[in-house]
Each structure stands twice: as structure tokens, then as C-alpha cells.
């Protein structure tokens, strides 16, 4: 007897699917200066460039963030039940952004921005595991143990297209995550300049390859407050400006720009492909251009950028609510990205600033490192409380639509310094590593410990 996908899922039920339970890569050619300086992606290196928000800031200026500090809205006299009462699979709604792009033979990503592994890494922090290979089952196992240990129930995998190195390791990664009760979804990256045209086909591939063929053992299907169940997909560089102008006044076309009508055709196609199988399919864009997000047919926004400060989130949530779009703002420890060591004097490059607060720290002194760690703890706490408060506000779209989703940015994006994955304790650094000037504080697992404490109060 032939079973449809919906029949199969219904037959096995939520418990059976775990829904409610706790070759060598050729060297890439150098990136042309103009493309790198404008924040465009480099698919050959799996460097995703500016996000949609970052690209819009370059093109249109700081007003894109709409940093209005609005007072709390007037909420109806409706008592919203606790999250754990509304979402039986609540742990799955806390999703780590996960990057499986690191390699050691040949080296990939650890050598970005003129770094020289294994001692000199493309990170301001030395990981507790050192320069690891994402293909290692032992590494995956340790990551899964850390994530399960704090209560998070899902990962959002950075995915760079069919038959990419990240795609080829997904089966092993899902095997490990499934064994630890962690479900997997996918973050569609700009793996080519025409990635928007493949959006529906890519989602169909992911659902078939990693849902159907694995009998849905750990593909993330979220249950909304109304009981509707379905997948959720987030994409990077979704809503882009058509052109970019650098600091010299030179204008260039954005190579992976796609018109809103193109995205709408793709999102319509996704829903047509999956309408018979799921109660709901949630498609999220990494954008603050709410009107264009709606025009592209997306269900809402999911912000990746940690420089979008929590005290601006309410304004964006209200803008989404006016269009009946959902929103997801991320729990994050701030931002401490690596800087270029060799800068062309004629380029438009400026070193990244530390978030939160944009402060300057004396990394050679313990007091400076611990002050930066304290700032990160404050951002984790503020972002956690802010996103939960907004997503529990009866006047906003998420409660009205029975939606809750929080990305944890990130588990292991070491380049940008917002990883929750433990780093080495300061005392564990070797003399050679100390000479690099890493920012590791005394306690390398402090971010994960902070998140564990915050999640415990909600998941309980």
C-alpha cells in the first residue's frame, strides 16, 4: 500500500518521530577586491558575505535598522499561557545556528583572512577542541553532548547546495544528532549567484533526501500552539538591494540579487509542493525590509545579525504584526569578529567593532578580557529575555499565529566571535597560542553555562 508523506507522519505520530522528546577541495581563486570589499559572497570558499541586513546597511545607510526605541505596546487583557504549556516540543523551538564548514585536510575556513592553522586560527578565540574537522564523528558527538546538555533541541545547518562538502556530511551529522535527541533543519546559504532560482528545488531536495529517505527520524518539524506541524526554513542573503556603491562612489550590481517577484514565485512553489504533506510550512527571510519580505511571499523574518540591538526589536515586531508576519530575534553573545591583517590603503575596509556597546578592550590584560565576557553575558541575558517577551506579547503576531521560534546565534561561527561552543580556558592556552593574542577569558564555557541557566527556567 502506498503511503503519502502526510500518511506516513500521521501513522508514526509525534512520539515515533521524536517530536516531543527531550575529497579534497581544489584551492579557490583569490576573490576580486571589489567583490570582497562590497560584502558579496564567495561561494567557492563558503564565505557568505553580508547578510540581507548588512547588505541593506551598505546600500541605504543606518536608517535600515529603524532603531526606534518604542515603549511597550498596549497589550489586550489576555493572559498568555507559559511557553511550555503552549508548545509540547518547546526544546525544538530553540535552534542553534550550526556551521559544518571547518576542515583540516585540506584546511578550510580556519585559514580565512590570512591565518595559519593549527595555532593561528581565523578566530579571536581558540576553541576547546582546537582546529577541528567538521567531518569528524567525535567532533559531532561532542557538539551534540554540549547542546543536549543545556536543553536545546535543534540545529540549523549552514547548507551550501547539493553535493557540496556540507551536504555530503549531513547524513553522518544527522545520525549523531538523532542519537542525542536533536533535530535538524537547514539554513540555505548563497552557494551561487542564482541561488534564489533554486529555492523551491533545494527545499524539495532537503525534504526528500533528509526527511523521506531517513523516515523522518530527526528532520525538524515544529508544532505550533494550535497543533499544526511542519518544517521551517531560513535563508541567508534573501532580500537584497539591486546595487551597491562603495566609499569611492563606484556602483556595482549585486550579483545574487533577486527581485521580490522571483522570491514570491519560489515561495509559492514550495507551498504547492508541500501543501498535501504538512499543516504548515514556515519560510523565513533574514531581513528587516518587512514590506519586501511580505512581497516575496515569506511568512516572516529571522534576524541573524547581532548588531541589531534588542532595544530595537519591538519596532520591527510591530512592523511585522501590521502585515501579519511572524518574527524571530536571536539569542546571542554579541560580536567579536576577526580583522584583516593586510589592508589595501585604497580599500573601503574598516575593522569590525565589538558588540555589545562597541567598546575597546585591552585583550592583553585579564581585566579587559573579563569585562568583555561580562558584556557578552549581559547581551545573552538581554537578548534571551527580549525575544521571549516579544514572542509572548498578545498584541503581536507571534502569539496571534501560535508561533514561537528562537535561533541561538551561533553554536560555532568562530570567525565572527559569537560562538556558544566552549573555548579553551585561558590557563589551557599554550605559549604559542598566547602569543597570537586570543581573547579567551578565564572560563571558556561561560556562554554555554549562561544559556543553560536561562533555558532551564523556561523548559522546566
Protein backbone atom coordinates (compact mmCIF):
# COMPACT_ATOMS: atom_id res chain seq x y z
CA UNK A 1 0.00 0.00 0.00
CA UNK A 2 1.33 3.45 -0.95
CA UNK A 3 1.61 5.95 1.88
CA UNK A 4 1.71 9.68 1.29
CA UNK A 5 4.19 11.70 3.29
CA UNK A 6 1.34 13.01 5.47
CA UNK A 7 0.02 9.47 5.99
CA UNK A 8 3.47 8.26 6.99
CA UNK A 9 3.93 11.04 9.50
CA UNK A 10 0.46 10.51 10.93
CA UNK A 11 0.98 6.75 11.17
CA UNK A 12 4.16 7.06 13.18
CA UNK A 13 2.93 10.03 15.18
CA UNK A 14 4.84 12.65 17.11
CA UNK A 15 6.30 10.19 19.60
CA UNK A 16 7.60 7.89 16.88
CA UNK A 17 9.36 10.79 15.21
CA UNK A 18 10.77 12.16 18.43
CA UNK A 19 8.87 15.42 18.07
CA UNK A 20 8.01 15.80 21.71
CA UNK A 21 11.10 14.19 23.23
CA UNK A 22 13.68 15.70 25.05
CA UNK A 23 37.91 14.66 -1.47
CA UNK A 24 39.88 17.08 -1.26
CA UNK A 25 38.73 20.54 -2.37
CA UNK A 26 40.72 22.44 -5.01
CA UNK A 27 42.20 25.73 -3.94
CA UNK A 28 39.93 28.66 -4.71
CA UNK A 29 40.98 31.56 -6.85
CA UNK A 30 41.60 34.83 -4.97
CA UNK A 31 38.44 36.87 -4.55
CA UNK A 32 38.48 40.09 -6.59
CA UNK A 33 38.94 43.06 -4.28
CA UNK A 34 35.80 44.82 -5.47
CA UNK A 35 33.55 41.86 -4.70
CA UNK A 36 35.03 41.28 -1.23
CA UNK A 37 35.02 44.98 -0.33
CA UNK A 38 31.32 45.21 -1.17
CA UNK A 39 30.44 42.28 1.08
CA UNK A 40 29.41 39.96 -1.74
CA UNK A 41 29.54 36.19 -1.08
CA UNK A 42 32.30 33.91 -2.29
CA UNK A 43 30.64 30.52 -2.87
CA UNK A 44 33.97 28.83 -3.69
CA UNK A 45 35.12 29.40 -0.11
CA UNK A 46 31.72 29.10 1.59
CA UNK A 47 32.08 32.71 2.67
CA UNK A 48 28.56 34.11 2.75
CA UNK A 49 29.40 37.81 2.82
CA UNK A 50 26.95 40.35 4.19
CA UNK A 51 23.55 39.22 5.36
CA UNK A 52 20.45 40.85 3.88
CA UNK A 53 20.54 43.37 6.72
CA UNK A 54 24.25 44.05 6.28
CA UNK A 55 23.83 44.50 2.53
CA UNK A 56 20.96 46.92 3.05
CA UNK A 57 23.03 48.92 5.52
CA UNK A 58 25.81 49.27 2.97
CA UNK A 59 23.36 50.33 0.28
CA UNK A 60 20.96 52.55 2.18
CA UNK A 61 22.58 53.55 5.45
CA UNK A 62 21.81 53.18 9.14
CA UNK A 63 18.12 54.04 8.77
CA UNK A 64 17.56 50.46 7.59
CA UNK A 65 17.69 49.27 11.18
CA UNK A 66 14.84 51.64 12.13
CA UNK A 67 16.36 51.96 15.63
CA UNK A 68 13.27 53.44 17.22
CA UNK A 69 13.14 52.92 20.96
CA UNK A 70 9.41 52.49 21.25
CA UNK A 71 7.60 51.95 24.55
CA UNK A 72 5.84 48.63 25.14
CA UNK A 73 2.64 48.33 23.15
CA UNK A 74 -0.81 48.24 24.64
CA UNK A 75 -1.48 44.53 25.04
CA UNK A 76 -5.03 43.17 25.20
CA UNK A 77 -6.10 41.88 28.57
CA UNK A 78 -5.22 38.35 27.54
CA UNK A 79 -3.10 36.12 29.71
CA UNK A 80 -0.76 34.11 27.51
CA UNK A 81 -0.03 30.65 28.96
CA UNK A 82 3.61 29.72 29.62
CA UNK A 83 5.59 28.57 26.61
CA UNK A 84 5.89 25.03 27.96
CA UNK A 85 2.09 24.78 28.10
CA UNK A 86 1.66 26.09 24.55
CA UNK A 87 4.42 24.11 22.85
CA UNK A 88 4.84 20.44 23.83
CA UNK A 89 8.05 20.28 21.77
CA UNK A 90 9.42 23.51 23.26
CA UNK A 91 13.08 22.44 23.27
CA UNK A 92 12.91 22.12 19.47
CA UNK A 93 11.97 25.79 19.22
CA UNK A 94 15.43 26.78 20.49
CA UNK A 95 17.67 26.21 17.49
CA UNK A 96 21.45 26.56 17.34
CA UNK A 97 22.90 28.05 14.14
CA UNK A 98 25.41 25.36 13.18
CA UNK A 99 28.38 25.61 10.79
CA UNK A 100 29.86 22.33 9.48
CA UNK A 101 32.32 24.09 7.17
CA UNK A 102 35.61 23.55 9.04
CA UNK A 103 38.22 21.14 7.68
CA UNK A 104 41.83 20.26 8.41
CA UNK A 105 42.88 18.16 5.40
CA UNK A 106 42.84 20.27 3.35
CA UNK A 107 42.32 23.23 5.65
CA UNK A 108 39.08 25.10 5.14
CA UNK A 109 37.80 28.17 7.00
CA UNK A 110 40.37 28.07 9.80
CA UNK A 111 42.76 29.86 7.40
CA UNK A 112 40.42 32.68 6.43
CA UNK A 113 41.83 36.24 6.41
CA UNK A 114 45.47 35.18 6.15
CA UNK A 115 45.51 32.93 9.22
CA UNK A 116 47.84 29.94 9.53
CA UNK A 117 46.39 26.93 11.42
CA UNK A 118 46.63 24.99 13.60
CA UNK A 119 47.92 27.58 16.09
CA UNK A 120 46.90 30.74 14.26
CA UNK A 121 43.16 30.41 13.54
CA UNK A 122 40.59 32.61 11.83
CA UNK A 123 39.03 33.42 15.17
CA UNK A 124 39.66 35.72 18.11
CA UNK A 125 39.18 32.69 20.35
CA UNK A 126 40.85 29.29 20.48
CA UNK A 127 38.19 26.53 20.62
CA UNK A 128 38.34 23.99 23.39
CA UNK A 129 38.65 21.36 20.66
CA UNK A 130 41.33 23.30 18.78
CA UNK A 131 41.21 23.47 14.97
CA UNK A 132 38.78 20.62 14.39
CA UNK A 133 37.34 18.97 11.29
CA UNK A 134 33.56 19.16 10.98
CA UNK A 135 33.54 15.74 9.31
CA UNK A 136 34.85 14.06 12.47
CA UNK A 137 32.24 11.92 14.20
CA UNK A 138 34.00 12.55 17.51
CA UNK A 139 33.60 16.31 17.00
CA UNK A 140 29.93 15.90 16.11
CA UNK A 141 29.41 13.75 19.21
CA UNK A 142 30.95 16.36 21.49
CA UNK A 143 28.89 19.13 19.91
CA UNK A 144 25.70 17.11 20.35
CA UNK A 145 26.51 16.42 24.00
CA UNK A 146 27.10 20.12 24.69
CA UNK A 147 23.85 21.13 23.00
CA UNK A 148 21.72 18.42 24.57
CA UNK A 149 23.27 19.21 27.93
CA UNK A 150 21.80 22.70 28.01
CA UNK A 151 18.37 21.68 26.71
CA UNK A 152 18.42 22.99 23.12
CA UNK A 153 16.59 20.62 20.80
CA UNK A 154 17.59 21.50 17.25
CA UNK A 155 20.27 22.81 14.92
CA UNK A 156 20.02 24.93 11.78
CA UNK A 157 22.74 23.65 9.44
CA UNK A 158 24.58 26.02 7.13
CA UNK A 159 23.91 24.33 3.79
CA UNK A 160 25.81 25.15 0.61
CA UNK A 161 23.90 23.30 -2.07
CA UNK A 162 23.54 19.78 -3.36
CA UNK A 163 26.73 17.71 -3.32
CA UNK A 164 28.69 20.40 -1.51
CA UNK A 165 31.01 19.33 1.29
CA UNK A 166 28.40 20.47 3.83
CA UNK A 167 25.72 18.43 2.06
CA UNK A 168 27.87 15.30 1.99
CA UNK A 169 28.40 15.30 5.76
CA UNK A 170 24.71 15.76 6.61
CA UNK A 171 23.90 12.01 6.86
CA UNK A 172 26.62 11.43 9.47
CA UNK A 173 25.67 14.62 11.29
CA UNK A 174 22.01 13.60 11.43
CA UNK A 175 22.96 10.13 12.71
CA UNK A 176 24.80 11.71 15.62
CA UNK A 177 22.19 14.36 16.36
CA UNK A 178 19.38 11.81 16.24
CA UNK A 179 21.16 9.69 18.83
CA UNK A 180 21.15 12.68 21.19
CA UNK A 181 17.53 13.70 20.57
CA UNK A 182 18.46 16.77 18.50
CA UNK A 183 16.56 17.55 15.31
CA UNK A 184 17.97 19.15 12.18
CA UNK A 185 16.82 21.86 9.80
CA UNK A 186 18.67 23.85 7.17
CA UNK A 187 19.90 27.39 6.59
CA UNK A 188 20.04 27.94 2.82
CA UNK A 189 23.26 29.81 2.01
CA UNK A 190 24.27 31.83 -1.12
CA UNK A 191 26.10 28.93 -2.77
CA UNK A 192 25.76 30.55 -6.22
CA UNK A 193 24.70 33.91 -7.59
CA UNK A 194 21.44 32.39 -8.84
CA UNK A 195 20.60 30.57 -5.59
CA UNK A 196 17.19 32.27 -5.40
CA UNK A 197 16.08 30.50 -8.58
CA UNK A 198 16.76 27.12 -6.94
CA UNK A 199 15.00 27.85 -3.64
CA UNK A 200 11.98 25.58 -4.17
CA UNK A 201 14.03 22.77 -5.72
CA UNK A 202 16.53 22.97 -2.85
CA UNK A 203 13.80 22.68 -0.22
CA UNK A 204 12.22 19.78 -2.10
CA UNK A 205 15.63 18.06 -2.19
CA UNK A 206 16.21 18.57 1.54
CA UNK A 207 12.75 17.27 2.45
CA UNK A 208 13.12 14.21 0.22
CA UNK A 209 16.76 13.42 0.97
CA UNK A 210 16.82 14.04 4.72
CA UNK A 211 13.17 13.61 5.62
CA UNK A 212 11.64 10.89 3.45
CA UNK A 213 14.77 8.78 2.94
CA UNK A 214 15.53 8.77 6.67
CA UNK A 215 11.90 8.06 7.57
CA UNK A 216 11.77 11.40 9.38
CA UNK A 217 13.91 10.29 12.28
CA UNK A 218 15.24 13.75 13.11
CA UNK A 219 14.22 16.25 10.43
CA UNK A 220 12.85 19.26 12.33
CA UNK A 221 9.06 19.52 12.22
CA UNK A 222 7.79 22.13 14.65
CA UNK A 223 4.42 22.09 16.33
CA UNK A 224 2.69 25.44 16.66
CA UNK A 225 0.42 26.37 19.55
CA UNK A 226 -2.64 25.34 17.51
CA UNK A 227 -1.20 21.88 16.90
CA UNK A 228 -0.20 22.48 13.26
CA UNK A 229 3.04 20.70 12.38
CA UNK A 230 5.52 21.43 9.60
CA UNK A 231 9.09 22.30 8.63
CA UNK A 232 10.77 25.68 8.92
CA UNK A 233 13.46 27.03 6.61
CA UNK A 234 15.62 30.12 6.99
CA UNK A 235 17.68 31.62 4.16
CA UNK A 236 20.68 33.95 4.03
CA UNK A 237 21.01 36.94 1.66
CA UNK A 238 17.34 36.76 0.79
CA UNK A 239 16.12 40.34 0.37
CA UNK A 240 18.96 42.31 -1.23
CA UNK A 241 19.41 45.74 -2.82
CA UNK A 242 19.94 45.59 -6.60
CA UNK A 243 23.10 47.70 -6.47
CA UNK A 244 25.85 48.69 -4.05
CA UNK A 245 28.05 51.79 -4.03
CA UNK A 246 31.42 51.75 -2.27
CA UNK A 247 33.13 54.56 -0.39
CA UNK A 248 34.72 55.82 -3.63
CA UNK A 249 31.33 56.24 -5.27
CA UNK A 250 31.78 53.20 -7.52
CA UNK A 251 28.48 51.39 -8.07
CA UNK A 252 28.22 47.68 -8.85
CA UNK A 253 25.31 45.33 -9.39
CA UNK A 254 24.71 42.93 -6.51
CA UNK A 255 25.49 39.57 -8.14
CA UNK A 256 22.97 37.45 -6.23
CA UNK A 257 20.12 39.99 -6.16
CA UNK A 258 16.69 38.54 -6.92
CA UNK A 259 13.54 40.61 -7.35
CA UNK A 260 10.71 40.18 -4.86
CA UNK A 261 8.58 38.66 -7.63
CA UNK A 262 11.22 35.94 -8.14
CA UNK A 263 11.12 35.06 -4.46
CA UNK A 264 7.32 35.06 -4.45
CA UNK A 265 7.27 32.59 -7.34
CA UNK A 266 9.68 30.37 -5.40
CA UNK A 267 7.81 30.54 -2.07
CA UNK A 268 4.53 29.80 -3.89
CA UNK A 269 6.20 26.79 -5.49
CA UNK A 270 7.40 25.50 -2.09
CA UNK A 271 3.91 25.66 -0.68
CA UNK A 272 2.42 23.97 -3.74
CA UNK A 273 4.96 21.14 -3.47
CA UNK A 274 4.36 20.54 0.24
CA UNK A 275 0.72 21.55 0.73
CA UNK A 276 -0.56 17.98 0.82
CA UNK A 277 2.06 16.86 3.33
CA UNK A 278 2.19 19.40 6.16
CA UNK A 279 -0.23 21.58 8.05
CA UNK A 280 2.17 24.48 7.69
CA UNK A 281 5.48 25.33 6.05
CA UNK A 282 7.29 28.31 7.57
CA UNK A 283 9.66 30.28 5.31
CA UNK A 284 11.77 32.99 6.95
CA UNK A 285 13.94 35.72 5.41
CA UNK A 286 16.98 37.29 7.12
CA UNK A 287 15.71 40.81 6.52
CA UNK A 288 14.40 43.94 8.22
CA UNK A 289 12.76 45.07 4.97
CA UNK A 290 9.38 43.88 6.18
CA UNK A 291 7.35 45.11 3.19
CA UNK A 292 9.69 43.37 0.75
CA UNK A 293 9.68 40.22 2.89
CA UNK A 294 5.91 40.14 2.55
CA UNK A 295 6.15 40.87 -1.19
CA UNK A 296 8.48 37.88 -1.52
CA UNK A 297 5.86 35.58 -0.04
CA UNK A 298 7.72 34.79 3.18
CA UNK A 299 5.99 34.08 6.47
CA UNK A 300 8.23 36.43 8.41
CA UNK A 301 11.74 37.46 9.38
CA UNK A 302 14.55 35.77 11.28
CA UNK A 303 17.43 38.10 12.08
CA UNK A 304 20.95 36.77 12.02
CA UNK A 305 22.89 39.97 12.75
CA UNK A 306 23.98 40.56 16.33
CA UNK A 307 24.49 44.27 15.72
CA UNK A 308 20.69 44.68 15.51
CA UNK A 309 20.25 45.57 19.16
CA UNK A 310 17.48 44.11 21.33
CA UNK A 311 16.04 47.51 22.22
CA UNK A 312 15.11 47.99 18.54
CA UNK A 313 13.32 44.65 18.19
CA UNK A 314 9.88 45.81 19.33
CA UNK A 315 9.64 48.28 16.45
CA UNK A 316 10.41 45.53 13.95
CA UNK A 317 7.96 43.16 15.66
CA UNK A 318 5.25 45.81 15.40
CA UNK A 319 6.03 46.31 11.70
CA UNK A 320 5.71 42.56 11.18
CA UNK A 321 2.44 42.46 13.10
CA UNK A 322 0.93 45.12 10.84
CA UNK A 323 1.49 42.70 7.94
CA UNK A 324 0.62 39.53 9.90
CA UNK A 325 4.22 38.31 9.57
CA UNK A 326 5.97 36.37 12.32
CA UNK A 327 9.38 37.32 13.68
CA UNK A 328 12.33 35.57 15.27
CA UNK A 329 15.03 37.55 17.07
CA UNK A 330 18.11 35.65 18.11
CA UNK A 331 19.71 34.96 21.44
CA UNK A 332 23.35 35.97 21.03
CA UNK A 333 26.52 36.86 22.96
CA UNK A 334 27.40 39.83 20.74
CA UNK A 335 30.07 40.01 18.07
CA UNK A 336 33.87 39.89 18.11
CA UNK A 337 34.99 39.26 14.54
CA UNK A 338 38.48 38.72 13.19
CA UNK A 339 40.05 41.65 11.38
CA UNK A 340 42.07 41.75 8.18
CA UNK A 341 45.82 41.80 8.77
CA UNK A 342 46.72 43.19 5.38
CA UNK A 343 44.56 46.07 4.22
CA UNK A 344 44.83 47.86 0.91
CA UNK A 345 45.13 51.58 1.78
CA UNK A 346 42.70 52.37 -1.01
CA UNK A 347 40.02 49.96 0.13
CA UNK A 348 36.85 50.84 1.99
CA UNK A 349 37.65 48.43 4.80
CA UNK A 350 37.15 49.37 8.43
CA UNK A 351 37.89 46.99 11.33
CA UNK A 352 34.89 45.33 12.98
CA UNK A 353 33.74 46.67 16.33
CA UNK A 354 32.95 44.66 19.43
CA UNK A 355 29.34 44.11 20.40
CA UNK A 356 27.60 44.89 22.59
CA UNK A 357 28.48 48.50 23.10
CA UNK A 358 31.22 48.89 20.52
CA UNK A 359 33.79 49.05 23.30
CA UNK A 360 37.55 48.73 23.06
CA UNK A 361 39.19 46.23 25.40
CA UNK A 362 42.77 45.63 26.41
CA UNK A 363 42.91 41.97 25.46
CA UNK A 364 46.39 41.58 26.93
CA UNK A 365 45.00 42.23 30.42
CA UNK A 366 42.75 39.90 32.41
CA UNK A 367 40.53 42.83 33.37
CA UNK A 368 39.87 43.65 29.72
CA UNK A 369 39.03 40.07 28.80
CA UNK A 370 36.73 39.60 31.77
CA UNK A 371 34.97 42.91 31.08
CA UNK A 372 34.30 41.74 27.51
CA UNK A 373 32.99 38.41 28.83
CA UNK A 374 30.70 40.26 31.23
CA UNK A 375 29.35 42.33 28.32
CA UNK A 376 28.65 39.10 26.42
CA UNK A 377 26.78 37.66 29.41
CA UNK A 378 24.69 40.82 29.53
CA UNK A 379 23.84 40.52 25.83
CA UNK A 380 22.91 36.83 26.16
CA UNK A 381 20.60 37.65 29.05
CA UNK A 382 19.09 40.74 27.42
CA UNK A 383 18.51 39.08 24.06
CA UNK A 384 17.00 35.97 25.69
CA UNK A 385 14.56 37.95 27.81
CA UNK A 386 13.70 40.36 25.00
CA UNK A 387 12.86 37.72 22.41
CA UNK A 388 10.78 35.73 24.89
CA UNK A 389 8.91 38.83 25.98
CA UNK A 390 8.10 39.88 22.42
CA UNK A 391 7.06 36.38 21.41
CA UNK A 392 4.76 36.19 24.44
CA UNK A 393 3.12 39.58 23.82
CA UNK A 394 -0.55 39.06 22.96
CA UNK A 395 -0.59 42.25 20.88
CA UNK A 396 1.98 40.92 18.42
CA UNK A 397 1.76 38.50 15.52
CA UNK A 398 3.59 35.53 17.01
CA UNK A 399 1.04 34.91 19.74
CA UNK A 400 -1.83 35.54 17.36
CA UNK A 401 -0.43 32.97 14.93
CA UNK A 402 0.65 30.49 17.60
CA UNK A 403 4.28 30.79 16.59
CA UNK A 404 7.44 30.68 18.69
CA UNK A 405 10.98 30.20 17.40
CA UNK A 406 14.32 31.37 18.78
CA UNK A 407 17.62 30.93 16.98
CA UNK A 408 20.75 30.74 19.12
CA UNK A 409 23.44 32.61 17.16
CA UNK A 410 25.60 30.73 16.97
CA UNK A 411 26.93 27.39 18.12
CA UNK A 412 30.20 27.66 16.20
CA UNK A 413 30.62 30.63 13.88
CA UNK A 414 34.14 31.25 15.19
CA UNK A 415 35.09 33.90 12.63
CA UNK A 416 32.52 36.35 13.97
CA UNK A 417 33.17 35.53 17.61
CA UNK A 418 29.58 34.81 18.63
CA UNK A 419 30.00 31.09 19.26
CA UNK A 420 28.44 29.38 22.26
CA UNK A 421 30.72 26.38 21.71
CA UNK A 422 33.23 26.33 24.58
CA UNK A 423 36.62 27.89 24.04
CA UNK A 424 39.74 26.98 25.96
CA UNK A 425 40.14 28.35 29.47
CA UNK A 426 42.84 30.99 29.50
CA UNK A 427 45.14 28.78 31.53
CA UNK A 428 44.87 26.00 28.91
CA UNK A 429 46.35 28.10 26.10
CA UNK A 430 49.84 27.12 25.01
CA UNK A 431 52.63 29.72 24.90
CA UNK A 432 52.29 29.75 21.10
CA UNK A 433 48.56 30.38 21.35
CA UNK A 434 49.05 33.11 23.94
CA UNK A 435 51.43 34.82 21.53
CA UNK A 436 48.64 35.07 18.93
CA UNK A 437 46.64 37.28 21.29
CA UNK A 438 43.47 35.24 21.64
CA UNK A 439 40.62 36.78 23.64
CA UNK A 440 39.87 33.64 25.69
CA UNK A 441 38.72 34.53 29.21
CA UNK A 442 39.45 32.53 32.35
CA UNK A 443 36.35 30.36 31.94
CA UNK A 444 35.96 29.25 28.34
CA UNK A 445 32.48 27.71 28.70
CA UNK A 446 30.83 30.74 30.31
CA UNK A 447 28.49 31.43 27.39
CA UNK A 448 27.07 27.92 27.28
CA UNK A 449 26.68 27.96 31.08
CA UNK A 450 24.75 31.24 30.90
CA UNK A 451 22.46 29.87 28.22
CA UNK A 452 21.91 26.65 30.17
CA UNK A 453 20.73 28.63 33.18
CA UNK A 454 18.33 30.75 31.13
CA UNK A 455 16.86 27.79 29.26
CA UNK A 456 16.36 25.79 32.44
CA UNK A 457 13.90 28.35 33.75
CA UNK A 458 11.80 28.15 30.57
CA UNK A 459 11.95 24.47 29.68
CA UNK A 460 11.05 23.42 33.20
